Amino acid sequence: MILKENIKINGVKPELTLVLSIADKIWSNHNQELVVTELTGGKHGTASLHYVGLAADLRTRYFSDEEKEIVASELRKALGENYDVVVEKTHIHIEFQPK
């Protein structure tokens, strides 16, 4: 796992560290190294869970659109219903949001 240069990690919650561990294994199964592009920093909506340490953005530029959907599906299955997994144009966004 690689953290993008200058990424902010202060305040990351334990629920998110689980995500990173699972995502790292999934990326490895797809012959890619996980790159975490955002955790608690960056510019997001005012109610973003990034700011409270409960969201992560994971690089996907090396996956085809089909592979992105497969990886997202594997993440959803592994993480369960308390996590939202959203495929964006340049990354997969994951957040801990209990139902």
PDB file of N, CA and C in Angstrom:
ATOM      1  N   MET A   1       0.848  -1.175   0.000  1.00  0.00           N
ATOM      2  CA  MET A   1       0.000   0.000   0.000  1.00  0.00           C
ATOM      3  C   MET A   1       0.892   1.236   0.000  1.00  0.00           C
ATOM      4  N   ILE A   2       0.489   2.196  -0.820  1.00  0.00           N
ATOM      5  CA  ILE A   2       1.204   3.467  -0.910  1.00  0.00           C
ATOM      6  C   ILE A   2       0.229   4.582  -0.546  1.00  0.00           C
ATOM      7  N   LEU A   3       0.690   5.519   0.259  1.00  0.00           N
ATOM      8  CA  LEU A   3      -0.085   6.729   0.524  1.00  0.00           C
ATOM      9  C   LEU A   3       0.446   7.816  -0.396  1.00  0.00           C
ATOM     10  N   LYS A   4      -0.435   8.477  -1.120  1.00  0.00           N
ATOM     11  CA  LYS A   4      -0.035   9.561  -2.003  1.00  0.00           C
ATOM     12  C   LYS A   4       0.758  10.594  -1.204  1.00  0.00           C
ATOM     13  N   GLU A   5       1.748  11.184  -1.839  1.00  0.00           N
ATOM     14  CA  GLU A   5       2.603  12.167  -1.168  1.00  0.00           C
ATOM     15  C   GLU A   5       1.761  13.296  -0.568  1.00  0.00           C
ATOM     16  N   ASN A   6       2.106  13.690   0.637  1.00  0.00           N
ATOM     17  CA  ASN A   6       1.464  14.786   1.382  1.00  0.00           C
ATOM     18  C   ASN A   6       0.026  14.504   1.809  1.00  0.00           C
ATOM     19  N   ILE A   7      -0.369  13.254   1.807  1.00  0.00           N
ATOM     20  CA  ILE A   7      -1.719  12.902   2.238  1.00  0.00           C
ATOM     21  C   ILE A   7      -1.852  13.133   3.747  1.00  0.00           C
ATOM     22  N   LYS A   8      -2.993  13.643   4.171  1.00  0.00           N
ATOM     23  CA  LYS A   8      -3.244  13.867   5.592  1.00  0.00           C
ATOM     24  C   LYS A   8      -3.871  12.614   6.189  1.00  0.00           C
ATOM     25  N   ILE A   9      -3.310  12.161   7.306  1.00  0.00           N
ATOM     26  CA  ILE A   9      -3.818  10.949   7.952  1.00  0.00           C
ATOM     27  C   ILE A   9      -4.307  11.199   9.375  1.00  0.00           C
ATOM     28  N   ASN A  10      -4.121  12.405   9.880  1.00  0.00           N
ATOM     29  CA  ASN A  10      -4.552  12.713  11.242  1.00  0.00           C
ATOM     30  C   ASN A  10      -6.047  12.499  11.392  1.00  0.00           C
ATOM     31  N   GLY A  11      -6.430  11.747  12.415  1.00  0.00           N
ATOM     32  CA  GLY A  11      -7.836  11.555  12.720  1.00  0.00           C
ATOM     33  C   GLY A  11      -8.502  10.390  12.019  1.00  0.00           C
ATOM     34  N   VAL A  12      -7.725   9.570  11.294  1.00  0.00           N
ATOM     35  CA  VAL A  12      -8.331   8.404  10.638  1.00  0.00           C
ATOM     36  C   VAL A  12      -8.861   7.454  11.708  1.00  0.00           C
ATOM     37  N   LYS A  13     -10.104   7.051  11.567  1.00  0.00           N
ATOM     38  CA  LYS A  13     -10.770   6.186  12.549  1.00  0.00           C
ATOM     39  C   LYS A  13     -10.466   4.706  12.280  1.00  0.00           C
ATOM     40  N   PRO A  14     -10.559   3.870  13.322  1.00  0.00           N
ATOM     41  CA  PRO A  14     -10.294   2.427  13.162  1.00  0.00           C
ATOM     42  C   PRO A  14     -11.166   1.766  12.095  1.00  0.00           C
ATOM     43  N   GLU A  15     -12.396   2.230  11.943  1.00  0.00           N
ATOM     44  CA  GLU A  15     -13.288   1.660  10.928  1.00  0.00           C
ATOM     45  C   GLU A  15     -12.711   1.819   9.518  1.00  0.00           C
ATOM     46  N   LEU A  16     -11.887   2.821   9.337  1.00  0.00           N
ATOM     47  CA  LEU A  16     -11.284   3.060   8.033  1.00  0.00           C
ATOM     48  C   LEU A  16     -10.000   2.256   7.844  1.00  0.00           C
ATOM     49  N   THR A  17      -9.287   1.988   8.919  1.00  0.00           N
ATOM     50  CA  THR A  17      -8.068   1.183   8.781  1.00  0.00           C
ATOM     51  C   THR A  17      -8.422  -0.228   8.311  1.00  0.00           C
ATOM     52  N   LEU A  18      -9.570  -0.735   8.716  1.00  0.00           N
ATOM     53  CA  LEU A  18     -10.050  -2.023   8.227  1.00  0.00           C
ATOM     54  C   LEU A  18     -10.233  -1.976   6.716  1.00  0.00           C
ATOM     55  N   VAL A  19     -10.816  -0.901   6.214  1.00  0.00           N
ATOM     56  CA  VAL A  19     -11.035  -0.721   4.780  1.00  0.00           C
ATOM     57  C   VAL A  19      -9.715  -0.821   4.028  1.00  0.00           C
ATOM     58  N   LEU A  20      -8.703  -0.125   4.519  1.00  0.00           N
ATOM     59  CA  LEU A  20      -7.422  -0.089   3.817  1.00  0.00           C
ATOM     60  C   LEU A  20      -6.771  -1.457   3.765  1.00  0.00           C
ATOM     61  N   SER A  21      -6.886  -2.205   4.829  1.00  0.00           N
ATOM     62  CA  SER A  21      -6.327  -3.554   4.862  1.00  0.00           C
ATOM     63  C   SER A  21      -7.025  -4.465   3.852  1.00  0.00           C
ATOM     64  N   ILE A  22      -8.334  -4.413   3.821  1.00  0.00           N
ATOM     65  CA  ILE A  22      -9.109  -5.241   2.886  1.00  0.00           C
ATOM     66  C   ILE A  22      -8.855  -4.801   1.449  1.00  0.00           C
ATOM     67  N   ALA A  23      -8.864  -3.498   1.209  1.00  0.00           N
ATOM     68  CA  ALA A  23      -8.630  -2.984  -0.150  1.00  0.00           C
ATOM     69  C   ALA A  23      -7.245  -3.377  -0.647  1.00  0.00           C
ATOM     70  N   ASP A  24      -6.261  -3.343   0.232  1.00  0.00           N
ATOM     71  CA  ASP A  24      -4.904  -3.719  -0.151  1.00  0.00           C
ATOM     72  C   ASP A  24      -4.870  -5.157  -0.683  1.00  0.00           C
ATOM     73  N   LYS A  25      -5.582  -6.042  -0.022  1.00  0.00           N
ATOM     74  CA  LYS A  25      -5.644  -7.441  -0.465  1.00  0.00           C
ATOM     75  C   LYS A  25      -6.371  -7.569  -1.801  1.00  0.00           C
ATOM     76  N   ILE A  26      -7.446  -6.829  -1.976  1.00  0.00           N
ATOM     77  CA  ILE A  26      -8.205  -6.890  -3.225  1.00  0.00           C
ATOM     78  C   ILE A  26      -7.368  -6.356  -4.384  1.00  0.00           C
ATOM     79  N   TRP A  27      -6.711  -5.230  -4.188  1.00  0.00           N
ATOM     80  CA  TRP A  27      -5.850  -4.672  -5.248  1.00  0.00           C
ATOM     81  C   TRP A  27      -4.754  -5.681  -5.608  1.00  0.00           C
ATOM     82  N   SER A  28      -4.167  -6.285  -4.601  1.00  0.00           N
ATOM     83  CA  SER A  28      -3.116  -7.276  -4.830  1.00  0.00           C
ATOM     84  C   SER A  28      -3.648  -8.451  -5.646  1.00  0.00           C
ATOM     85  N   ASN A  29      -4.862  -8.886  -5.363  1.00  0.00           N
ATOM     86  CA  ASN A  29      -5.481  -9.981  -6.122  1.00  0.00           C
ATOM     87  C   ASN A  29      -5.691  -9.609  -7.594  1.00  0.00           C
ATOM     88  N   HIS A  30      -5.713  -8.304  -7.870  1.00  0.00           N
ATOM     89  CA  HIS A  30      -5.857  -7.812  -9.242  1.00  0.00           C
ATOM     90  C   HIS A  30      -4.521  -7.316  -9.799  1.00  0.00           C
ATOM     91  N   ASN A  31      -3.437  -7.745  -9.158  1.00  0.00           N
ATOM     92  CA  ASN A  31      -2.073  -7.437  -9.608  1.00  0.00           C
ATOM     93  C   ASN A  31      -1.764  -5.945  -9.663  1.00  0.00           C
ATOM     94  N   GLN A  32      -2.308  -5.208  -8.698  1.00  0.00           N
ATOM     95  CA  GLN A  32      -2.033  -3.774  -8.590  1.00  0.00           C
ATOM     96  C   GLN A  32      -1.660  -3.435  -7.156  1.00  0.00           C
ATOM     97  N   GLU A  33      -0.897  -2.376  -7.005  1.00  0.00           N
ATOM     98  CA  GLU A  33      -0.580  -1.888  -5.668  1.00  0.00           C
ATOM     99  C   GLU A  33      -1.595  -0.807  -5.306  1.00  0.00           C
ATOM    100  N   LEU A  34      -2.156  -0.920  -4.132  1.00  0.00           N
ATOM    101  CA  LEU A  34      -3.132   0.060  -3.672  1.00  0.00           C
ATOM    102  C   LEU A  34      -2.456   1.401  -3.440  1.00  0.00           C
ATOM    103  N   VAL A  35      -3.041   2.455  -4.021  1.00  0.00           N
ATOM    104  CA  VAL A  35      -2.595   3.823  -3.765  1.00  0.00           C
ATOM    105  C   VAL A  35      -3.768   4.570  -3.149  1.00  0.00           C
ATOM    106  N   VAL A  36      -3.577   5.038  -1.923  1.00  0.00           N
ATOM    107  CA  VAL A  36      -4.593   5.819  -1.222  1.00  0.00           C
ATOM    108  C   VAL A  36      -4.339   7.278  -1.574  1.00  0.00           C
ATOM    109  N   THR A  37      -5.311   7.912  -2.244  1.00  0.00           N
ATOM    110  CA  THR A  37      -5.103   9.280  -2.714  1.00  0.00           C
ATOM    111  C   THR A  37      -5.658  10.341  -1.774  1.00  0.00           C
ATOM    112  N   GLU A  38      -6.579   9.948  -0.898  1.00  0.00           N
ATOM    113  CA  GLU A  38      -7.112  10.917   0.070  1.00  0.00           C
ATOM    114  C   GLU A  38      -7.679  10.214   1.286  1.00  0.00           C
ATOM    115  N   LEU A  39      -7.439  10.829   2.434  1.00  0.00           N
ATOM    116  CA  LEU A  39      -8.025  10.355   3.694  1.00  0.00           C
ATOM    117  C   LEU A  39      -8.725  11.535   4.356  1.00  0.00           C
ATOM    118  N   THR A  40      -8.042  12.255   5.241  1.00  0.00           N
ATOM    119  CA  THR A  40      -8.718  13.312   5.996  1.00  0.00           C
ATOM    120  C   THR A  40      -8.501  14.716   5.428  1.00  0.00           C
ATOM    121  N   GLY A  41      -7.768  14.848   4.352  1.00  0.00           N
ATOM    122  CA  GLY A  41      -7.523  16.160   3.746  1.00  0.00           C
ATOM    123  C   GLY A  41      -8.297  16.329   2.464  1.00  0.00           C
ATOM    124  N   GLY A  42      -7.830  17.256   1.659  1.00  0.00           N
ATOM    125  CA  GLY A  42      -8.436  17.492   0.350  1.00  0.00           C
ATOM    126  C   GLY A  42      -9.657  18.376   0.433  1.00  0.00           C
ATOM    127  N   LYS A  43     -10.277  18.574  -0.727  1.00  0.00           N
ATOM    128  CA  LYS A  43     -11.472  19.408  -0.821  1.00  0.00           C
ATOM    129  C   LYS A  43     -12.663  18.528  -1.160  1.00  0.00           C
ATOM    130  N   HIS A  44     -13.649  18.560  -0.284  1.00  0.00           N
ATOM    131  CA  HIS A  44     -14.838  17.732  -0.421  1.00  0.00           C
ATOM    132  C   HIS A  44     -16.049  18.557   0.000  1.00  0.00           C
ATOM    133  N   GLY A  45     -17.229  17.999  -0.141  1.00  0.00           N
ATOM    134  CA  GLY A  45     -18.442  18.673   0.319  1.00  0.00           C
ATOM    135  C   GLY A  45     -18.383  18.940   1.817  1.00  0.00           C
ATOM    136  N   THR A  46     -19.138  19.897   2.280  1.00  0.00           N
ATOM    137  CA  THR A  46     -19.074  20.299   3.692  1.00  0.00           C
ATOM    138  C   THR A  46     -19.422  19.173   4.656  1.00  0.00           C
ATOM    139  N   ALA A  47     -20.261  18.243   4.246  1.00  0.00           N
ATOM    140  CA  ALA A  47     -20.652  17.137   5.127  1.00  0.00           C
ATOM    141  C   ALA A  47     -19.830  15.876   4.869  1.00  0.00           C
ATOM    142  N   SER A  48     -18.739  16.006   4.149  1.00  0.00           N
ATOM    143  CA  SER A  48     -17.927  14.848   3.781  1.00  0.00           C
ATOM    144  C   SER A  48     -17.397  14.110   5.003  1.00  0.00           C
ATOM    145  N   LEU A  49     -17.429  12.801   4.933  1.00  0.00           N
ATOM    146  CA  LEU A  49     -16.877  11.981   6.011  1.00  0.00           C
ATOM    147  C   LEU A  49     -15.351  11.916   5.974  1.00  0.00           C
ATOM    148  N   HIS A  50     -14.736  12.459   4.922  1.00  0.00           N
ATOM    149  CA  HIS A  50     -13.275  12.562   4.899  1.00  0.00           C
ATOM    150  C   HIS A  50     -12.798  13.384   6.107  1.00  0.00           C
ATOM    151  N   TYR A  51     -13.493  14.469   6.386  1.00  0.00           N
ATOM    152  CA  TYR A  51     -13.055  15.404   7.420  1.00  0.00           C
ATOM    153  C   TYR A  51     -13.116  14.832   8.830  1.00  0.00           C
ATOM    154  N   VAL A  52     -13.873  13.766   9.017  1.00  0.00           N
ATOM    155  CA  VAL A  52     -13.962  13.140  10.342  1.00  0.00           C
ATOM    156  C   VAL A  52     -13.275  11.772  10.369  1.00  0.00           C
ATOM    157  N   GLY A  53     -12.474  11.494   9.341  1.00  0.00           N
ATOM    158  CA  GLY A  53     -11.672  10.272   9.341  1.00  0.00           C
ATOM    159  C   GLY A  53     -12.411   9.001   8.994  1.00  0.00           C
ATOM    160  N   LEU A  54     -13.543   9.125   8.290  1.00  0.00           N
ATOM    161  CA  LEU A  54     -14.349   7.950   7.974  1.00  0.00           C
ATOM    162  C   LEU A  54     -14.523   7.713   6.476  1.00  0.00           C
ATOM    163  N   ALA A  55     -13.636   8.304   5.652  1.00  0.00           N
ATOM    164  CA  ALA A  55     -13.720   8.095   4.207  1.00  0.00           C
ATOM    165  C   ALA A  55     -12.323   8.038   3.597  1.00  0.00           C
ATOM    166  N   ALA A  56     -12.229   7.303   2.493  1.00  0.00           N
ATOM    167  CA  ALA A  56     -10.961   7.166   1.774  1.00  0.00           C
ATOM    168  C   ALA A  56     -11.227   7.149   0.279  1.00  0.00           C
ATOM    169  N   ASP A  57     -10.266   7.655  -0.476  1.00  0.00           N
ATOM    170  CA  ASP A  57     -10.298   7.568  -1.925  1.00  0.00           C
ATOM    171  C   ASP A  57      -9.126   6.698  -2.362  1.00  0.00           C
ATOM    172  N   LEU A  58      -9.419   5.747  -3.247  1.00  0.00           N
ATOM    173  CA  LEU A  58      -8.439   4.760  -3.678  1.00  0.00           C
ATOM    174  C   LEU A  58      -8.270   4.831  -5.193  1.00  0.00           C
ATOM    175  N   ARG A  59      -7.034   4.961  -5.640  1.00  0.00           N
ATOM    176  CA  ARG A  59      -6.736   5.133  -7.066  1.00  0.00           C
ATOM    177  C   ARG A  59      -7.206   3.940  -7.891  1.00  0.00           C
ATOM    178  N   THR A  60      -7.735   4.262  -9.087  1.00  0.00           N
ATOM    179  CA  THR A  60      -8.231   3.206  -9.983  1.00  0.00           C
ATOM    180  C   THR A  60      -7.783   3.399 -11.430  1.00  0.00           C
ATOM    181  N   ARG A  61      -6.923   4.347 -11.718  1.00  0.00           N
ATOM    182  CA  ARG A  61      -6.617   4.677 -13.119  1.00  0.00           C
ATOM    183  C   ARG A  61      -6.015   3.528 -13.909  1.00  0.00           C
ATOM    184  N   TYR A  62      -5.491   2.539 -13.237  1.00  0.00           N
ATOM    185  CA  TYR A  62      -4.895   1.389 -13.917  1.00  0.00           C
ATOM    186  C   TYR A  62      -5.910   0.273 -14.162  1.00  0.00           C
ATOM    187  N   PHE A  63      -7.161   0.441 -13.726  1.00  0.00           N
ATOM    188  CA  PHE A  63      -8.216  -0.539 -13.963  1.00  0.00           C
ATOM    189  C   PHE A  63      -9.091  -0.088 -15.141  1.00  0.00           C
ATOM    190  N   SER A  64      -9.567  -1.045 -15.911  1.00  0.00           N
ATOM    191  CA  SER A  64     -10.585  -0.735 -16.921  1.00  0.00           C
ATOM    192  C   SER A  64     -11.889  -0.440 -16.180  1.00  0.00           C
ATOM    193  N   ASP A  65     -12.875   0.092 -16.902  1.00  0.00           N
ATOM    194  CA  ASP A  65     -14.175   0.363 -16.275  1.00  0.00           C
ATOM    195  C   ASP A  65     -14.777  -0.918 -15.705  1.00  0.00           C
ATOM    196  N   GLU A  66     -14.639  -2.009 -16.447  1.00  0.00           N
ATOM    197  CA  GLU A  66     -15.164  -3.295 -15.983  1.00  0.00           C
ATOM    198  C   GLU A  66     -14.442  -3.758 -14.713  1.00  0.00           C
ATOM    199  N   GLU A  67     -13.126  -3.602 -14.694  1.00  0.00           N
ATOM    200  CA  GLU A  67     -12.357  -4.001 -13.500  1.00  0.00           C
ATOM    201  C   GLU A  67     -12.726  -3.152 -12.291  1.00  0.00           C
ATOM    202  N   LYS A  68     -12.964  -1.857 -12.501  1.00  0.00           N
ATOM    203  CA  LYS A  68     -13.381  -0.982 -11.396  1.00  0.00           C
ATOM    204  C   LYS A  68     -14.654  -1.515 -10.745  1.00  0.00           C
ATOM    205  N   GLU A  69     -15.614  -1.908 -11.575  1.00  0.00           N
ATOM    206  CA  GLU A  69     -16.882  -2.420 -11.058  1.00  0.00           C
ATOM    207  C   GLU A  69     -16.685  -3.743 -10.318  1.00  0.00           C
ATOM    208  N   ILE A  70     -15.802  -4.584 -10.819  1.00  0.00           N
ATOM    209  CA  ILE A  70     -15.512  -5.856 -10.149  1.00  0.00           C
ATOM    210  C   ILE A  70     -14.868  -5.602  -8.795  1.00  0.00           C
ATOM    211  N   VAL A  71     -13.879  -4.713  -8.768  1.00  0.00           N
ATOM    212  CA  VAL A  71     -13.196  -4.373  -7.516  1.00  0.00           C
ATOM    213  C   VAL A  71     -14.189  -3.770  -6.523  1.00  0.00           C
ATOM    214  N   ALA A  72     -15.038  -2.867  -6.994  1.00  0.00           N
ATOM    215  CA  ALA A  72     -16.043  -2.247  -6.113  1.00  0.00           C
ATOM    216  C   ALA A  72     -16.988  -3.297  -5.546  1.00  0.00           C
ATOM    217  N   SER A  73     -17.386  -4.237  -6.368  1.00  0.00           N
ATOM    218  CA  SER A  73     -18.268  -5.311  -5.914  1.00  0.00           C
ATOM    219  C   SER A  73     -17.583  -6.161  -4.842  1.00  0.00           C
ATOM    220  N   GLU A  74     -16.318  -6.459  -5.045  1.00  0.00           N
ATOM    221  CA  GLU A  74     -15.570  -7.229  -4.050  1.00  0.00           C
ATOM    222  C   GLU A  74     -15.443  -6.458  -2.739  1.00  0.00           C
ATOM    223  N   LEU A  75     -15.243  -5.156  -2.837  1.00  0.00           N
ATOM    224  CA  LEU A  75     -15.173  -4.320  -1.634  1.00  0.00           C
ATOM    225  C   LEU A  75     -16.504  -4.326  -0.888  1.00  0.00           C
ATOM    226  N   ARG A  76     -17.595  -4.148  -1.613  1.00  0.00           N
ATOM    227  CA  ARG A  76     -18.923  -4.143  -0.975  1.00  0.00           C
ATOM    228  C   ARG A  76     -19.190  -5.453  -0.250  1.00  0.00           C
ATOM    229  N   LYS A  77     -18.856  -6.540  -0.891  1.00  0.00           N
ATOM    230  CA  LYS A  77     -19.072  -7.855  -0.280  1.00  0.00           C
ATOM    231  C   LYS A  77     -18.220  -8.023   0.979  1.00  0.00           C
ATOM    232  N   ALA A  78     -16.958  -7.615   0.910  1.00  0.00           N
ATOM    233  CA  ALA A  78     -16.041  -7.785   2.042  1.00  0.00           C
ATOM    234  C   ALA A  78     -16.355  -6.843   3.200  1.00  0.00           C
ATOM    235  N   LEU A  79     -16.816  -5.633   2.900  1.00  0.00           N
ATOM    236  CA  LEU A  79     -17.023  -4.625   3.941  1.00  0.00           C
ATOM    237  C   LEU A  79     -18.409  -4.680   4.578  1.00  0.00           C
ATOM    238  N   GLY A  80     -19.399  -5.105   3.840  1.00  0.00           N
ATOM    239  CA  GLY A  80     -20.740  -5.193   4.404  1.00  0.00           C
ATOM    240  C   GLY A  80     -21.529  -3.904   4.278  1.00  0.00           C
ATOM    241  N   GLU A  81     -22.722  -3.923   4.847  1.00  0.00           N
ATOM    242  CA  GLU A  81     -23.701  -2.860   4.630  1.00  0.00           C
ATOM    243  C   GLU A  81     -23.388  -1.540   5.328  1.00  0.00           C
ATOM    244  N   ASN A  82     -22.468  -1.512   6.266  1.00  0.00           N
ATOM    245  CA  ASN A  82     -22.158  -0.260   6.960  1.00  0.00           C
ATOM    246  C   ASN A  82     -21.183   0.628   6.199  1.00  0.00           C
ATOM    247  N   TYR A  83     -20.753   0.167   5.031  1.00  0.00           N
ATOM    248  CA  TYR A  83     -19.818   0.935   4.203  1.00  0.00           C
ATOM    249  C   TYR A  83     -20.455   1.229   2.857  1.00  0.00           C
ATOM    250  N   ASP A  84     -20.256   2.453   2.383  1.00  0.00           N
ATOM    251  CA  ASP A  84     -20.661   2.827   1.036  1.00  0.00           C
ATOM    252  C   ASP A  84     -19.423   2.782   0.147  1.00  0.00           C
ATOM    253  N   VAL A  85     -19.563   2.178  -1.017  1.00  0.00           N
ATOM    254  CA  VAL A  85     -18.477   2.077  -1.989  1.00  0.00           C
ATOM    255  C   VAL A  85     -18.992   2.695  -3.280  1.00  0.00           C
ATOM    256  N   VAL A  86     -18.357   3.777  -3.710  1.00  0.00           N
ATOM    257  CA  VAL A  86     -18.825   4.523  -4.873  1.00  0.00           C
ATOM    258  C   VAL A  86     -17.703   4.593  -5.907  1.00  0.00           C
ATOM    259  N   VAL A  87     -18.006   4.150  -7.119  1.00  0.00           N
ATOM    260  CA  VAL A  87     -17.033   4.235  -8.207  1.00  0.00           C
ATOM    261  C   VAL A  87     -17.118   5.629  -8.815  1.00  0.00           C
ATOM    262  N   GLU A  88     -16.028   6.367  -8.717  1.00  0.00           N
ATOM    263  CA  GLU A  88     -15.920   7.696  -9.321  1.00  0.00           C
ATOM    264  C   GLU A  88     -15.057   7.576 -10.571  1.00  0.00           C
ATOM    265  N   LYS A  89     -14.920   8.661 -11.322  1.00  0.00           N
ATOM    266  CA  LYS A  89     -14.148   8.632 -12.563  1.00  0.00           C
ATOM    267  C   LYS A  89     -12.687   8.249 -12.331  1.00  0.00           C
ATOM    268  N   THR A  90     -12.073   8.798 -11.276  1.00  0.00           N
ATOM    269  CA  THR A  90     -10.632   8.601 -11.059  1.00  0.00           C
ATOM    270  C   THR A  90     -10.294   7.762  -9.838  1.00  0.00           C
ATOM    271  N   HIS A  91     -11.311   7.348  -9.080  1.00  0.00           N
ATOM    272  CA  HIS A  91     -11.031   6.627  -7.839  1.00  0.00           C
ATOM    273  C   HIS A  91     -12.290   5.901  -7.350  1.00  0.00           C
ATOM    274  N   ILE A  92     -12.079   5.074  -6.350  1.00  0.00           N
ATOM    275  CA  ILE A  92     -13.208   4.493  -5.625  1.00  0.00           C
ATOM    276  C   ILE A  92     -13.245   5.183  -4.266  1.00  0.00           C
ATOM    277  N   HIS A  93     -14.405   5.714  -3.949  1.00  0.00           N
ATOM    278  CA  HIS A  93     -14.629   6.390  -2.664  1.00  0.00           C
ATOM    279  C   HIS A  93     -15.307   5.384  -1.737  1.00  0.00           C
ATOM    280  N   ILE A  94     -14.759   5.272  -0.524  1.00  0.00           N
ATOM    281  CA  ILE A  94     -15.350   4.375   0.482  1.00  0.00           C
ATOM    282  C   ILE A  94     -15.569   5.186   1.746  1.00  0.00           C
ATOM    283  N   GLU A  95     -16.726   4.982   2.378  1.00  0.00           N
ATOM    284  CA  GLU A  95     -16.986   5.655   3.644  1.00  0.00           C
ATOM    285  C   GLU A  95     -17.731   4.728   4.584  1.00  0.00           C
ATOM    286  N   PHE A  96     -17.444   4.908   5.867  1.00  0.00           N
ATOM    287  CA  PHE A  96     -18.138   4.163   6.916  1.00  0.00           C
ATOM    288  C   PHE A  96     -19.361   4.967   7.288  1.00  0.00           C
ATOM    289  N   GLN A  97     -20.538   4.394   7.017  1.00  0.00           N
ATOM    290  CA  GLN A  97     -21.784   5.084   7.292  1.00  0.00           C
ATOM    291  C   GLN A  97     -22.821   4.044   7.706  1.00  0.00           C
ATOM    292  N   PRO A  98     -22.828   3.697   8.994  1.00  0.00           N
ATOM    293  CA  PRO A  98     -23.758   2.658   9.470  1.00  0.00           C
ATOM    294  C   PRO A  98     -25.190   2.963   9.106  1.00  0.00           C
ATOM    295  N   LYS A  99     -25.904   1.929   8.734  1.00  0.00           N
ATOM    296  CA  LYS A  99     -27.312   2.066   8.338  1.00  0.00           C
ATOM    297  C   LYS A  99     -28.218   2.019   9.550  1.00  0.00           C
TER     298      LYS A  99
END
